[in-house]
Structures are given as C-alpha cells and as structure tokens.
Amino acid sequence: MDNNGKRLLITGAGGFIGGYIVAAALECGYETWAAVRKTTNREFLQDERIRFIELDFTDEESLATTLREHVNQHGPWHHLVHNLGATKCTNYLDFERINHGYLRLLVETLRTIQALPRHLVFISSLSVMGPGDEQQYTPFTGDNVPQPNTRYGTSKLKAEVFLQSQADVPHTILRLTGVYGPHERDYFMMMKSIKRGFDFSVGFRKQMLTFVYVKDVAQAVMCALAHKPQGRAFFISEPRAYTQQEFRQLVCRQLGKRWVVPVTCPLWLVRTVCAVAEWWGKLTLKPSTLNGDKFKILKQRNWLCDTTPARQHLGFTAQYTLERGLQEAIEWYRQAGWL
C-alpha cells in the first residue's frame, strides 16, 4: 500500500528531539514509524498512532534482516529522518562510529534491499562550522566552508559529506543551533543554577548565543519533508542572538528571581574542569557533559547564523522567541517537578 507517499521512518525517536519530530509527523498525517532500541525509554512516545521498529545499529546482520522483513511486509518508507546521533562519548571514536558510521550503514543497507527513501532529512549541527568570525561577529552563511574544531562537529561533517556523495539519495541537511525545551537537560542545568542564585558564564569576551526551541526544530523537519530541497544544508535557529546576560534575565523573569550572582569563569579554569570531568568520565565509563569538546563549544564566541535560506527554501521561520520558549519550558519543568 502506498499510503499516499507518507510513510516515514524517524531514527533516534527516543531522544529529546526525536520525540518532538514524531509528534509533529503524526500531526501532519504521516504514517510514522519510530526507530528505537530495545532499551529505549518510551516515556515520551505514548501516542497510540506511533508504529515502532527496533533497529540494532551495532549488529549489521540483524539490522539488514529487520529492515528487509519490514519492507517485505509493509513496503519501503517514502521518507527518512535520520536523527540518531551522539553528543557526548567517553571514547571519541564513538562519535565517528555513531554519527557517521550509523548513517552510512543505514543508507547502504537500504540500498542493498532496494528500499532507499524518496527523501532523507539529516539532523546535523551548527558545530560543523567551527569557530567562525570572533572579531566582527559575522553570521555563518551557506558560503562558509565548514571547519569543525570538535570531534562531534567533525563526525557530523563526515556524515554530511557522505550524504552529498550519494547521488541516489535525495536529501536535506538541517544544521541546528542550541536546542532547548521540555525534557532537555543541559540548558535545564543552567536554569537550575540560576534558580539557586548563580549564573555561570565562560570567558570575558563578548559571546553571542543562538537558540532554537525544540518544537521549532520539529516544524523545520516537517518543512523539509514538504518542500524537499535536495542537496542543501540549512541553519535552523531563531533569527537573532543573545548574550549570556540576556539569557539570564529571561530565565530570572520566568522564575521570579530578583537577585542572581553572575560568575564569569576564566577559560583556563573551564579548560581544567573539563579535562578533569572528561578523565573521570572515562574512568567511570559514564560520558560527562563537560569534556574537551564541550570546552571548545563553551569557548566559542560567535554562534550567529544566517537563517534566510531556511525561510526562502524551506518556508521555515522560528515561531518561538527565547522568551516564549523559556516560559513554556520552565512551566513544564515545574509541573514535572524538575524545578
């Protein structure tokens, strides 16, 4: 059954962003298949319309068998959103294995069983661009050559380059900036710190931060599926930047905090803390949020990016300002007992 060309597979469906993409796809009328692992927490995948498929990317033979059996029974997926990825690892080789290797494996397996999708949307990151202009703070544009300075960014760029070399895989790449919203934990830790009366920032030079609310990310994916611009990469962000002070003030307003102590940490101290946290993460085999990659991200001063092409070719403009997004996210954190 063709299902009007709306059969969609979403990898990484159990993750923070994945759950919102699944919800948006259901609302847009897609026959939505959520790719998960046996151990995936399905707390935020409760809609009865979701169809699940368990894919084991660590076992090539098992993956091929599962995909082949599914295609024989249900037909190939018309669209694929590859959202599966790792943002922190104890072994940096895992970035390459997961962020690049799993995409390659999926595409090559689907090709082997003659089930390549009509269109693939790949969730990438602004981190592929590297530090950028930290003097004039010129926004990143599509004309800039990616020069990642983190292992995470490098692995994402390798995945992009792989896709761009596949002539038989029509695709669109979405490079996300800092994603926040309900269920997310890294920005939540910043909000929690502010609630306790302290706001930590890194470095004494001006830093311009960009954000995108998770529901806007999901809508960007739906726009990419609808418009299908092929072979292009787009920056997905709210079309303005914020300083750490502006972020703090917005969080304080939502939390009703009148007094917060801003603490600026020198780069040498942050580098030391990240190095120790990374060492401890390797020792305990538990990935740490603070690590060498994270230091380079915290150190970066300019996260501005040009969202004009996304508006022109995807029909996407972020609907959430940071103020509106924080209001909704903080309300969720409160109701869930996180704050």
Protein backbone atom coordinates (compact mmCIF):
# COMPACT_ATOMS: atom_id res chain seq x y z
CA MET A 1 0.00 0.00 0.00
CA ASP A 2 1.47 3.37 -1.00
CA ASN A 3 -0.28 5.35 1.78
CA ASN A 4 -0.12 8.44 -0.47
CA GLY A 5 3.65 8.58 -0.12
CA LYS A 6 3.55 9.48 3.57
CA ARG A 7 5.27 6.50 5.20
CA LEU A 8 8.03 7.98 7.39
CA LEU A 9 10.85 6.44 9.42
CA ILE A 10 12.42 8.51 12.23
CA THR A 11 15.66 7.23 13.75
CA GLY A 12 16.67 8.39 17.23
CA ALA A 13 12.97 8.68 18.01
CA GLY A 14 13.50 8.06 21.72
CA GLY A 15 15.77 11.05 22.15
CA PHE A 16 14.93 14.58 23.24
CA ILE A 17 14.47 15.96 19.71
CA GLY A 18 13.19 12.70 18.23
CA GLY A 19 10.05 12.63 20.33
CA TYR A 20 9.01 16.04 19.07
CA ILE A 21 9.67 15.09 15.45
CA VAL A 22 7.46 12.03 15.94
CA ALA A 23 4.66 14.18 17.40
CA ALA A 24 4.88 16.71 14.57
CA ALA A 25 4.88 13.95 11.94
CA LEU A 26 1.72 12.44 13.40
CA GLU A 27 0.02 15.82 13.34
CA CYS A 28 0.98 16.22 9.68
CA GLY A 29 -0.66 12.91 8.81
CA TYR A 30 2.42 10.74 8.26
CA GLU A 31 2.36 7.02 8.85
CA THR A 32 5.01 7.46 11.49
CA TRP A 33 7.50 4.73 12.34
CA ALA A 34 9.71 5.37 15.36
CA ALA A 35 13.04 3.53 15.25
CA VAL A 36 14.11 2.64 18.78
CA ARG A 37 16.33 0.18 20.63
CA LYS A 38 15.04 -2.49 22.98
CA THR A 39 16.31 -0.41 25.89
CA THR A 40 14.85 2.90 24.69
CA ASN A 41 12.74 4.76 27.25
CA ARG A 42 9.37 5.33 25.58
CA GLU A 43 8.06 7.74 28.23
CA PHE A 44 7.51 10.48 25.65
CA LEU A 45 6.37 8.15 22.87
CA GLN A 46 2.92 7.28 24.19
CA ASP A 47 0.70 8.24 21.23
CA GLU A 48 -1.14 5.11 20.11
CA ARG A 49 -0.68 6.10 16.46
CA ILE A 50 3.09 5.58 16.66
CA ARG A 51 4.39 2.45 14.95
CA PHE A 52 7.61 1.10 16.42
CA ILE A 53 10.50 -0.75 14.85
CA GLU A 54 13.52 -1.90 16.85
CA LEU A 55 16.77 -1.37 14.98
CA ASP A 56 20.16 -2.53 16.27
CA PHE A 57 22.87 -0.50 14.56
CA THR A 58 25.57 -2.41 16.41
CA ASP A 59 24.69 -5.61 14.52
CA GLU A 60 24.81 -5.21 10.72
CA GLU A 61 23.24 -8.60 10.02
CA SER A 62 20.40 -8.02 12.47
CA LEU A 63 19.79 -4.54 11.07
CA ALA A 64 19.61 -5.83 7.50
CA THR A 65 17.26 -8.67 8.47
CA THR A 66 14.91 -6.38 10.37
CA LEU A 67 14.78 -3.81 7.58
CA ARG A 68 14.25 -6.44 4.89
CA GLU A 69 11.43 -8.12 6.80
CA HIS A 70 9.75 -4.79 7.42
CA VAL A 71 9.97 -3.72 3.77
CA ASN A 72 8.62 -7.06 2.59
CA GLN A 73 5.65 -6.74 4.93
CA HIS A 74 4.86 -3.03 4.85
CA GLY A 75 6.70 -1.64 1.84
CA PRO A 76 9.62 0.81 1.87
CA TRP A 77 9.47 4.10 3.70
CA HIS A 78 8.90 7.09 1.46
CA HIS A 79 10.77 9.45 3.75
CA LEU A 80 13.51 9.10 6.36
CA VAL A 81 14.52 11.50 9.12
CA HIS A 82 17.91 10.45 10.48
CA ASN A 83 18.02 11.95 13.94
CA LEU A 84 20.18 9.27 15.53
CA GLY A 85 23.42 10.61 16.97
CA ALA A 86 25.70 11.04 19.97
CA THR A 87 26.54 14.42 21.53
CA LYS A 88 28.91 13.12 24.22
CA CYS A 89 31.01 9.95 24.42
CA THR A 90 33.65 8.53 26.74
CA ASN A 91 35.52 7.23 23.68
CA TYR A 92 35.78 9.84 20.96
CA LEU A 93 35.89 7.10 18.31
CA ASP A 94 32.22 6.59 19.14
CA PHE A 95 31.41 9.94 17.54
CA GLU A 96 32.71 8.60 14.24
CA ARG A 97 31.03 5.22 14.70
CA ILE A 98 27.62 6.62 15.61
CA ASN A 99 27.26 10.00 13.91
CA HIS A 100 28.86 9.00 10.62
CA GLY A 101 29.03 5.21 10.62
CA TYR A 102 25.40 4.53 11.51
CA LEU A 103 24.16 6.83 8.74
CA ARG A 104 26.41 5.14 6.21
CA LEU A 105 25.29 1.71 7.40
CA LEU A 106 21.61 2.62 7.16
CA VAL A 107 21.89 4.09 3.67
CA GLU A 108 23.96 1.19 2.34
CA THR A 109 21.61 -1.38 3.87
CA LEU A 110 18.54 0.28 2.41
CA ARG A 111 20.27 0.42 -0.95
CA THR A 112 21.09 -3.29 -0.78
CA ILE A 113 17.45 -4.23 -0.14
CA GLN A 114 16.30 -1.71 -2.78
CA ALA A 115 14.41 0.42 -0.27
CA LEU A 116 16.09 3.83 -0.43
CA PRO A 117 13.69 6.62 0.58
CA ARG A 118 12.50 9.27 -1.83
CA HIS A 119 13.88 11.90 0.53
CA LEU A 120 16.17 11.86 3.58
CA VAL A 121 16.38 14.64 6.16
CA PHE A 122 19.61 14.56 8.16
CA ILE A 123 19.80 16.29 11.55
CA SER A 124 23.21 17.91 11.75
CA SER A 125 24.68 20.71 13.86
CA LEU A 126 26.00 24.24 13.65
CA SER A 127 29.13 22.75 15.22
CA VAL A 128 30.24 21.59 11.76
CA MET A 129 31.18 25.20 11.03
CA GLY A 130 33.85 25.66 13.71
CA PRO A 131 34.70 28.92 15.50
CA GLY A 132 33.86 31.41 12.75
CA ASP A 133 34.42 35.17 12.91
CA GLU A 134 35.09 36.15 16.52
CA GLN A 135 36.22 39.68 15.72
CA GLN A 136 33.35 41.21 13.73
CA TYR A 137 30.83 38.51 14.67
CA THR A 138 29.75 37.93 11.10
CA PRO A 139 27.00 35.29 10.93
CA PHE A 140 27.74 31.92 9.37
CA THR A 141 26.32 31.60 5.87
CA GLY A 142 25.97 28.77 3.40
CA ASP A 143 29.03 30.11 1.58
CA ASN A 144 31.33 29.50 4.54
CA VAL A 145 33.49 26.37 4.36
CA PRO A 146 32.88 24.14 7.42
CA GLN A 147 35.96 23.91 9.63
CA PRO A 148 34.90 21.98 12.75
CA ASN A 149 37.23 22.10 15.74
CA THR A 150 35.48 19.40 17.80
CA ARG A 151 35.27 15.67 17.34
CA TYR A 152 31.50 15.93 17.47
CA GLY A 153 31.41 18.56 14.73
CA THR A 154 33.89 16.59 12.61
CA SER A 155 31.78 13.44 12.82
CA LYS A 156 28.67 15.34 11.79
CA LEU A 157 30.51 16.91 8.86
CA LYS A 158 31.73 13.49 7.71
CA ALA A 159 28.12 12.33 7.70
CA GLU A 160 27.14 15.38 5.63
CA VAL A 161 29.95 14.74 3.13
CA PHE A 162 28.91 11.09 2.84
CA LEU A 163 25.33 12.08 2.04
CA GLN A 164 26.45 14.64 -0.51
CA SER A 165 28.37 11.89 -2.32
CA GLN A 166 25.28 9.67 -2.67
CA ALA A 167 23.70 10.64 -5.99
CA ASP A 168 20.77 8.26 -5.49
CA VAL A 169 19.79 9.64 -2.07
CA PRO A 170 17.85 12.93 -2.34
CA HIS A 171 18.47 14.68 0.96
CA THR A 172 18.24 17.85 3.01
CA ILE A 173 20.60 18.73 5.86
CA LEU A 174 19.44 20.74 8.88
CA ARG A 175 22.21 22.29 10.97
CA LEU A 176 20.73 23.00 14.39
CA THR A 177 21.99 25.56 16.83
CA GLY A 178 21.42 25.20 20.61
CA VAL A 179 18.16 23.26 21.07
CA TYR A 180 16.20 23.69 24.30
CA GLY A 181 12.77 22.80 25.60
CA PRO A 182 10.91 20.36 27.85
CA HIS A 183 12.85 17.12 28.60
CA GLU A 184 16.22 18.71 27.68
CA ARG A 185 18.87 18.53 30.41
CA ASP A 186 21.91 20.69 29.56
CA TYR A 187 20.14 24.06 29.39
CA PHE A 188 17.97 22.86 32.25
CA MET A 189 21.10 22.69 34.41
CA MET A 190 21.74 26.36 33.64
CA MET A 191 18.17 27.24 34.64
CA LYS A 192 18.54 25.20 37.83
CA SER A 193 21.74 27.05 38.70
CA ILE A 194 20.05 30.41 38.13
CA LYS A 195 17.18 29.35 40.40
CA ARG A 196 19.77 28.65 43.10
CA GLY A 197 21.12 32.17 42.66
CA PHE A 198 24.19 31.69 40.47
CA ASP A 199 24.72 32.08 36.73
CA PHE A 200 27.99 30.78 35.35
CA SER A 201 29.44 32.08 32.09
CA VAL A 202 32.72 31.33 30.34
CA GLY A 203 35.36 33.83 29.25
CA PHE A 204 35.44 37.61 29.47
CA ARG A 205 34.98 38.45 25.77
CA LYS A 206 31.52 39.03 24.32
CA GLN A 207 29.73 35.83 23.39
CA MET A 208 26.69 35.75 21.08
CA LEU A 209 24.48 32.71 21.57
CA THR A 210 21.74 31.38 19.31
CA PHE A 211 18.88 29.10 20.25
CA VAL A 212 16.02 27.17 18.70
CA TYR A 213 13.04 25.78 20.57
CA VAL A 214 12.56 22.05 20.10
CA LYS A 215 9.05 22.44 18.65
CA ASP A 216 10.50 24.76 16.01
CA VAL A 217 13.07 22.07 15.15
CA ALA A 218 10.24 19.61 14.57
CA GLN A 219 8.47 22.11 12.33
CA ALA A 220 11.67 22.70 10.36
CA VAL A 221 11.81 18.96 9.70
CA MET A 222 8.20 18.99 8.50
CA CYS A 223 9.02 21.91 6.19
CA ALA A 224 11.98 19.98 4.77
CA LEU A 225 9.77 16.94 4.17
CA ALA A 226 7.16 19.07 2.45
CA HIS A 227 9.44 21.22 0.25
CA LYS A 228 12.22 18.64 -0.32
CA PRO A 229 15.10 20.98 -1.23
CA GLN A 230 17.71 18.50 -2.37
CA GLY A 231 21.41 18.53 -1.60
CA ARG A 232 21.31 21.66 0.54
CA ALA A 233 22.17 22.44 4.14
CA PHE A 234 20.24 24.98 6.21
CA PHE A 235 20.89 26.65 9.55
CA ILE A 236 17.96 26.20 11.92
CA SER A 237 17.80 28.87 14.60
CA GLU A 238 15.79 31.73 15.96
CA PRO A 239 16.92 34.59 13.68
CA ARG A 240 18.61 36.59 16.45
CA ALA A 241 21.34 36.08 19.03
CA TYR A 242 21.54 36.67 22.78
CA THR A 243 24.22 37.42 25.32
CA GLN A 244 24.55 35.32 28.47
CA GLN A 245 23.19 38.28 30.41
CA GLU A 246 20.05 38.39 28.26
CA PHE A 247 19.56 34.64 28.72
CA ARG A 248 19.94 35.05 32.49
CA GLN A 249 17.47 37.93 32.62
CA LEU A 250 14.84 35.98 30.69
CA VAL A 251 15.22 32.94 32.94
CA CYS A 252 15.06 35.13 36.06
CA ARG A 253 11.85 36.72 34.82
CA GLN A 254 10.20 33.33 34.33
CA LEU A 255 11.45 32.02 37.68
CA GLY A 256 10.56 35.18 39.57
CA LYS A 257 14.19 35.58 40.71
CA ARG A 258 15.16 39.12 41.69
CA TRP A 259 18.80 38.53 42.58
CA VAL A 260 21.31 36.27 40.85
CA VAL A 261 25.08 36.37 41.21
CA PRO A 262 26.77 36.27 37.78
CA VAL A 263 30.02 34.30 37.91
CA THR A 264 32.40 34.57 34.97
CA CYS A 265 34.85 31.67 34.82
CA PRO A 266 38.21 32.27 33.10
CA LEU A 267 38.93 29.99 30.17
CA TRP A 268 41.92 28.35 31.87
CA LEU A 269 39.74 27.25 34.77
CA VAL A 270 37.00 25.90 32.50
CA ARG A 271 39.59 24.00 30.47
CA THR A 272 40.91 22.40 33.66
CA VAL A 273 37.44 21.46 34.91
CA CYS A 274 36.51 19.96 31.52
CA ALA A 275 39.74 17.96 31.41
CA VAL A 276 39.15 16.53 34.89
CA ALA A 277 35.49 15.76 34.13
CA GLU A 278 36.49 14.02 30.91
CA TRP A 279 39.10 11.94 32.74
CA TRP A 280 36.56 10.95 35.37
CA GLY A 281 34.00 10.08 32.69
CA LYS A 282 36.46 7.72 31.03
CA LEU A 283 37.35 6.21 34.38
CA THR A 284 33.71 5.56 35.31
CA LEU A 285 32.61 4.82 31.70
CA LYS A 286 29.93 7.50 32.05
CA PRO A 287 30.03 10.30 29.44
CA SER A 288 30.43 13.70 31.07
CA THR A 289 28.66 16.83 29.89
CA LEU A 290 31.95 18.65 30.50
CA ASN A 291 34.82 17.44 28.30
CA GLY A 292 37.37 18.65 25.79
CA ASP A 293 34.78 19.07 23.06
CA LYS A 294 32.45 20.93 25.40
CA PHE A 295 35.25 23.32 26.35
CA LYS A 296 35.70 24.33 22.72
CA ILE A 297 31.96 24.87 22.41
CA LEU A 298 31.86 26.98 25.58
CA LYS A 299 34.90 28.91 24.41
CA GLN A 300 33.36 29.79 21.04
CA ARG A 301 32.25 33.43 20.96
CA ASN A 302 30.14 33.61 17.81
CA TRP A 303 27.12 31.36 17.17
CA LEU A 304 25.30 33.69 14.78
CA CYS A 305 24.00 32.09 11.59
CA ASP A 306 22.03 33.21 8.55
CA THR A 307 18.52 31.74 8.58
CA THR A 308 17.39 33.48 5.38
CA PRO A 309 17.83 30.39 3.13
CA ALA A 310 15.68 28.33 5.51
CA ARG A 311 12.93 30.90 5.18
CA GLN A 312 13.25 31.13 1.41
CA HIS A 313 13.65 27.45 0.50
CA LEU A 314 12.04 25.60 3.41
CA GLY A 315 9.35 28.09 4.26
CA PHE A 316 10.60 27.90 7.84
CA THR A 317 10.81 30.71 10.36
CA ALA A 318 11.15 30.01 14.07
CA GLN A 319 7.87 30.79 15.84
CA TYR A 320 9.33 30.78 19.34
CA THR A 321 11.39 33.65 20.68
CA LEU A 322 13.72 32.67 23.50
CA GLU A 323 11.38 34.38 25.97
CA ARG A 324 8.35 32.42 24.80
CA GLY A 325 10.27 29.15 24.63
CA LEU A 326 11.73 29.55 28.12
CA GLN A 327 8.30 30.35 29.52
CA GLU A 328 6.87 27.11 28.10
CA ALA A 329 9.90 25.01 29.03
CA ILE A 330 10.17 26.31 32.59
CA GLU A 331 6.45 25.71 33.13
CA TRP A 332 6.96 22.09 32.04
CA TYR A 333 10.00 21.69 34.33
CA ARG A 334 7.94 22.99 37.22
CA GLN A 335 4.98 20.71 36.58
CA ALA A 336 7.30 17.73 36.14
CA GLY A 337 8.99 18.51 39.45
CA TRP A 338 12.38 19.27 37.92
CA LEU A 339 12.43 22.88 39.15
